[in-house]
Amino acid sequence: MRKWLLLTAAILLEVTATLSLRGALDHSALYVPVVVGYVGSFTVLALVLRAGLALGVAYGVWGASGVALTAILAALLFGDPLTGVMGLGIALVIAGVLCVELGAQSARARPAREEEAPS
């Protein structure tokens, strides 16, 4: 549970930094949360890996969630376009991450079954 909370924090830091980057074009003071957000995100992502979450799963969830949240929030905050095709792309990215997570769970279960099988 701890690793998923850390991953959520890493995602929120990265999304905040990215949205701040867009806002910093008009307000240069927003470069501070850009730097803090990106450094914090990568630091927390390293803690996620140290907590035992597989790299492919952690990075996949982090990247896909960041893309989806950033696109949605940029549309709400900055009026960026969010078309049906973009929504489909976000859904496909999320489906891909789910496939990676399911594959990782299957791979973790496989060694346990192999140990139980008689030789």
C-alpha atoms as a PDB file:
ATOM      1  CA  MET A   1       0.000   0.000   0.000  1.00  0.00           C
ATOM      2  CA  ARG A   2       2.859   2.376   0.858  1.00  0.00           C
ATOM      3  CA  LYS A   3       4.400   2.041  -2.593  1.00  0.00           C
ATOM      4  CA  TRP A   4       1.095   2.966  -4.281  1.00  0.00           C
ATOM      5  CA  LEU A   5       0.707   6.045  -2.069  1.00  0.00           C
ATOM      6  CA  LEU A   6       4.252   7.067  -2.949  1.00  0.00           C
ATOM      7  CA  LEU A   7       3.533   6.497  -6.631  1.00  0.00           C
ATOM      8  CA  THR A   8       0.429   8.691  -6.360  1.00  0.00           C
ATOM      9  CA  ALA A   9       2.557  11.436  -4.794  1.00  0.00           C
ATOM     10  CA  ALA A  10       5.128  11.124  -7.609  1.00  0.00           C
ATOM     11  CA  ILE A  11       2.361  11.427 -10.217  1.00  0.00           C
ATOM     12  CA  LEU A  12       0.808  14.472  -8.563  1.00  0.00           C
ATOM     13  CA  LEU A  13       4.196  16.181  -8.257  1.00  0.00           C
ATOM     14  CA  GLU A  14       4.950  15.561 -11.929  1.00  0.00           C
ATOM     15  CA  VAL A  15       1.539  16.784 -13.098  1.00  0.00           C
ATOM     16  CA  THR A  16       1.839  19.895 -10.906  1.00  0.00           C
ATOM     17  CA  ALA A  17       5.276  20.606 -12.348  1.00  0.00           C
ATOM     18  CA  THR A  18       4.079  20.168 -15.921  1.00  0.00           C
ATOM     19  CA  LEU A  19       1.033  22.377 -15.455  1.00  0.00           C
ATOM     20  CA  SER A  20       3.216  24.952 -13.712  1.00  0.00           C
ATOM     21  CA  LEU A  21       5.559  24.880 -16.677  1.00  0.00           C
ATOM     22  CA  ARG A  22       2.675  25.900 -18.912  1.00  0.00           C
ATOM     23  CA  GLY A  23       1.662  28.622 -16.444  1.00  0.00           C
ATOM     24  CA  ALA A  24       5.248  29.849 -16.117  1.00  0.00           C
ATOM     25  CA  LEU A  25       5.075  31.131 -19.688  1.00  0.00           C
ATOM     26  CA  ASP A  26       2.977  33.991 -18.297  1.00  0.00           C
ATOM     27  CA  HIS A  27       4.142  34.050 -14.659  1.00  0.00           C
ATOM     28  CA  SER A  28       7.864  33.366 -14.203  1.00  0.00           C
ATOM     29  CA  ALA A  29       7.432  32.725 -10.457  1.00  0.00           C
ATOM     30  CA  LEU A  30       5.859  29.394 -11.420  1.00  0.00           C
ATOM     31  CA  TYR A  31       9.291  28.073 -12.411  1.00  0.00           C
ATOM     32  CA  VAL A  32       9.829  27.349  -8.706  1.00  0.00           C
ATOM     33  CA  PRO A  33       7.078  24.691  -8.539  1.00  0.00           C
ATOM     34  CA  VAL A  34       8.328  23.369 -11.886  1.00  0.00           C
ATOM     35  CA  VAL A  35      11.756  22.596 -10.436  1.00  0.00           C
ATOM     36  CA  VAL A  36      10.439  21.430  -7.057  1.00  0.00           C
ATOM     37  CA  GLY A  37       7.788  19.265  -8.724  1.00  0.00           C
ATOM     38  CA  TYR A  38      10.117  17.501 -11.149  1.00  0.00           C
ATOM     39  CA  VAL A  39      12.888  16.946  -8.589  1.00  0.00           C
ATOM     40  CA  GLY A  40      10.324  15.777  -6.048  1.00  0.00           C
ATOM     41  CA  SER A  41       8.626  13.493  -8.540  1.00  0.00           C
ATOM     42  CA  PHE A  42      11.825  11.704  -9.519  1.00  0.00           C
ATOM     43  CA  THR A  43      12.912  11.464  -5.888  1.00  0.00           C
ATOM     44  CA  VAL A  44       9.605   9.910  -4.847  1.00  0.00           C
ATOM     45  CA  LEU A  45       9.658   7.638  -7.913  1.00  0.00           C
ATOM     46  CA  ALA A  46      13.035   6.349  -6.706  1.00  0.00           C
ATOM     47  CA  LEU A  47      11.458   5.658  -3.307  1.00  0.00           C
ATOM     48  CA  VAL A  48       8.690   3.731  -5.066  1.00  0.00           C
ATOM     49  CA  LEU A  49      11.291   1.517  -6.724  1.00  0.00           C
ATOM     50  CA  ARG A  50      13.119   1.090  -3.429  1.00  0.00           C
ATOM     51  CA  ALA A  51       9.803   0.036  -1.840  1.00  0.00           C
ATOM     52  CA  GLY A  52       9.671  -2.868  -4.304  1.00  0.00           C
ATOM     53  CA  LEU A  53       7.373  -1.854  -7.143  1.00  0.00           C
ATOM     54  CA  ALA A  54       8.669  -3.197 -10.462  1.00  0.00           C
ATOM     55  CA  LEU A  55      10.217  -0.577 -12.752  1.00  0.00           C
ATOM     56  CA  GLY A  56       7.951  -1.337 -15.713  1.00  0.00           C
ATOM     57  CA  VAL A  57       4.830  -1.072 -13.593  1.00  0.00           C
ATOM     58  CA  ALA A  58       5.945   2.034 -11.687  1.00  0.00           C
ATOM     59  CA  TYR A  59       7.074   3.903 -14.776  1.00  0.00           C
ATOM     60  CA  GLY A  60       4.068   2.794 -16.809  1.00  0.00           C
ATOM     61  CA  VAL A  61       1.541   3.913 -14.214  1.00  0.00           C
ATOM     62  CA  TRP A  62       3.501   7.129 -13.537  1.00  0.00           C
ATOM     63  CA  GLY A  63       3.780   8.003 -17.217  1.00  0.00           C
ATOM     64  CA  ALA A  64       0.250   7.050 -18.248  1.00  0.00           C
ATOM     65  CA  SER A  65      -1.378   8.734 -15.275  1.00  0.00           C
ATOM     66  CA  GLY A  66       0.719  11.829 -15.845  1.00  0.00           C
ATOM     67  CA  VAL A  67      -0.287  12.018 -19.504  1.00  0.00           C
ATOM     68  CA  ALA A  68      -3.976  11.504 -18.760  1.00  0.00           C
ATOM     69  CA  LEU A  69      -4.175  13.930 -15.843  1.00  0.00           C
ATOM     70  CA  THR A  70      -2.103  16.572 -17.601  1.00  0.00           C
ATOM     71  CA  ALA A  71      -4.236  16.438 -20.741  1.00  0.00           C
ATOM     72  CA  ILE A  72      -7.490  16.646 -18.795  1.00  0.00           C
ATOM     73  CA  LEU A  73      -6.326  19.398 -16.441  1.00  0.00           C
ATOM     74  CA  ALA A  74      -4.720  21.404 -19.263  1.00  0.00           C
ATOM     75  CA  ALA A  75      -8.065  21.355 -21.043  1.00  0.00           C
ATOM     76  CA  LEU A  76      -9.831  22.576 -17.906  1.00  0.00           C
ATOM     77  CA  LEU A  77      -7.230  25.136 -16.803  1.00  0.00           C
ATOM     78  CA  PHE A  78      -5.807  26.438 -20.073  1.00  0.00           C
ATOM     79  CA  GLY A  79      -8.470  25.605 -22.624  1.00  0.00           C
ATOM     80  CA  ASP A  80      -6.225  23.130 -24.437  1.00  0.00           C
ATOM     81  CA  PRO A  81      -8.072  20.848 -26.855  1.00  0.00           C
ATOM     82  CA  LEU A  82      -9.258  17.447 -25.654  1.00  0.00           C
ATOM     83  CA  THR A  83     -10.782  15.627 -28.606  1.00  0.00           C
ATOM     84  CA  GLY A  84     -12.367  12.213 -28.858  1.00  0.00           C
ATOM     85  CA  VAL A  85      -9.246  10.870 -30.551  1.00  0.00           C
ATOM     86  CA  MET A  86      -7.144  12.176 -27.670  1.00  0.00           C
ATOM     87  CA  GLY A  87      -9.543  10.533 -25.214  1.00  0.00           C
ATOM     88  CA  LEU A  88      -9.200   7.261 -27.099  1.00  0.00           C
ATOM     89  CA  GLY A  89      -5.415   7.608 -26.938  1.00  0.00           C
ATOM     90  CA  ILE A  90      -5.563   8.169 -23.183  1.00  0.00           C
ATOM     91  CA  ALA A  91      -7.790   5.096 -22.820  1.00  0.00           C
ATOM     92  CA  LEU A  92      -5.349   3.005 -24.868  1.00  0.00           C
ATOM     93  CA  VAL A  93      -2.410   4.161 -22.743  1.00  0.00           C
ATOM     94  CA  ILE A  94      -4.307   3.230 -19.586  1.00  0.00           C
ATOM     95  CA  ALA A  95      -5.227  -0.168 -21.080  1.00  0.00           C
ATOM     96  CA  GLY A  96      -1.571  -0.747 -21.926  1.00  0.00           C
ATOM     97  CA  VAL A  97      -0.502   0.026 -18.366  1.00  0.00           C
ATOM     98  CA  LEU A  98      -3.147  -2.357 -17.046  1.00  0.00           C
ATOM     99  CA  CYS A  99      -1.750  -5.072 -19.316  1.00  0.00           C
ATOM    100  CA  VAL A 100       1.758  -4.434 -17.966  1.00  0.00           C
ATOM    101  CA  GLU A 101       0.485  -4.634 -14.366  1.00  0.00           C
ATOM    102  CA  LEU A 102      -1.455  -7.840 -15.031  1.00  0.00           C
ATOM    103  CA  GLY A 103       1.603  -9.332 -16.699  1.00  0.00           C
ATOM    104  CA  ALA A 104       3.751  -8.366 -13.720  1.00  0.00           C
ATOM    105  CA  GLN A 105       1.287 -10.012 -11.330  1.00  0.00           C
ATOM    106  CA  SER A 106       1.322 -13.155 -13.457  1.00  0.00           C
ATOM    107  CA  ALA A 107       5.120 -13.206 -13.481  1.00  0.00           C
ATOM    108  CA  ARG A 108       5.250 -12.832  -9.685  1.00  0.00           C
ATOM    109  CA  ALA A 109       2.823 -15.742  -9.264  1.00  0.00           C
ATOM    110  CA  ARG A 110       4.729 -18.022 -11.664  1.00  0.00           C
ATOM    111  CA  PRO A 111       7.844 -18.662  -9.497  1.00  0.00           C
ATOM    112  CA  ALA A 112       5.627 -19.654  -6.568  1.00  0.00           C
ATOM    113  CA  ARG A 113       3.824 -22.228  -8.727  1.00  0.00           C
ATOM    114  CA  GLU A 114       7.129 -23.559 -10.083  1.00  0.00           C
ATOM    115  CA  GLU A 115       8.444 -24.088  -6.537  1.00  0.00           C
ATOM    116  CA  GLU A 116       5.325 -26.109  -5.660  1.00  0.00           C
ATOM    117  CA  ALA A 117       5.540 -28.373  -8.722  1.00  0.00           C
ATOM    118  CA  PRO A 118       7.343 -31.693  -8.184  1.00  0.00           C
ATOM    119  CA  SER A 119      10.542 -32.145 -10.163  1.00  0.00           C
END
